[in-house]
């Protein structure tokens, strides 16, 4: 199944997550994503993660820190 295309901002977040995970050996916290991608609000960062998850680019375990997995 082909993945849905990402918006520019979603692509920035996705690339940040991949880069962070490769460099640090684990996934970033949401606050780290927010700061690393220049996202103003925490909710906006969460919304971008939800969109990435819905589109099949990442998987997350709810209520677990650093639980983002790139698919």
Protein backbone atom coordinates (compact mmCIF):
# COMPACT_ATOMS: atom_id res chain seq x y z
CA UNK A 1 0.00 0.00 0.00
CA UNK A 2 1.42 3.37 -1.02
CA UNK A 3 1.87 5.92 1.73
CA UNK A 4 0.08 9.24 1.58
CA UNK A 5 2.29 12.24 0.80
CA UNK A 6 3.36 14.45 3.67
CA UNK A 7 2.94 18.19 3.97
CA UNK A 8 6.14 20.21 4.18
CA UNK A 9 5.82 20.62 7.97
CA UNK A 10 5.07 16.92 8.46
CA UNK A 11 8.15 16.09 6.38
CA UNK A 12 10.29 18.33 8.63
CA UNK A 13 9.01 16.52 11.73
CA UNK A 14 9.46 13.08 10.13
CA UNK A 15 13.01 13.87 9.05
CA UNK A 16 13.83 15.23 12.51
CA UNK A 17 12.55 12.05 14.18
CA UNK A 18 14.59 9.84 11.83
CA UNK A 19 17.73 11.91 12.29
CA UNK A 20 17.35 12.11 16.07
CA UNK A 21 16.75 8.37 16.41
CA UNK A 22 19.79 7.53 14.28
CA UNK A 23 22.03 9.91 16.19
CA UNK A 24 20.82 9.13 19.71
CA UNK A 25 19.63 5.55 19.55
CA UNK A 26 16.14 6.42 20.76
CA UNK A 27 13.17 8.56 19.79
CA UNK A 28 12.87 12.23 20.82
CA UNK A 29 10.43 13.56 23.39
CA UNK A 30 7.60 15.67 21.98
CA UNK A 31 9.20 18.81 23.48
CA UNK A 32 12.44 17.97 21.65
CA UNK A 33 10.51 17.64 18.40
CA UNK A 34 8.80 20.95 19.10
CA UNK A 35 12.09 22.75 19.74
CA UNK A 36 14.04 20.96 17.00
CA UNK A 37 11.46 21.75 14.33
CA UNK A 38 10.64 25.28 15.44
CA UNK A 39 7.03 24.43 16.29
CA UNK A 40 5.48 27.07 18.54
CA UNK A 41 2.92 25.01 20.48
CA UNK A 42 3.08 21.58 22.07
CA UNK A 43 -0.39 20.75 20.67
CA UNK A 44 0.78 21.52 17.15
CA UNK A 45 3.67 19.08 17.57
CA UNK A 46 1.26 16.41 18.84
CA UNK A 47 -1.07 17.08 15.91
CA UNK A 48 1.78 16.55 13.45
CA UNK A 49 2.68 13.26 15.15
CA UNK A 50 -0.94 12.12 14.96
CA UNK A 51 -1.01 12.96 11.24
CA UNK A 52 2.23 11.03 10.65
CA UNK A 53 0.81 8.07 12.53
CA UNK A 54 -2.48 8.20 10.60
CA UNK A 55 -0.58 8.30 7.30
CA UNK A 56 1.48 5.26 8.31
CA UNK A 57 4.91 6.88 8.66
CA UNK A 58 5.33 6.29 12.41
CA UNK A 59 3.88 4.18 15.21
CA UNK A 60 3.50 5.34 18.80
CA UNK A 61 2.57 3.69 22.07
CA UNK A 62 0.27 6.00 24.01
CA UNK A 63 1.40 7.18 27.45
CA UNK A 64 4.98 6.00 26.89
CA UNK A 65 7.94 8.34 26.59
CA UNK A 66 10.19 8.00 23.54
CA UNK A 67 7.83 5.46 21.98
CA UNK A 68 7.90 6.80 18.42
CA UNK A 69 8.97 4.21 15.85
CA UNK A 70 9.64 5.05 12.20
CA UNK A 71 7.82 2.53 10.00
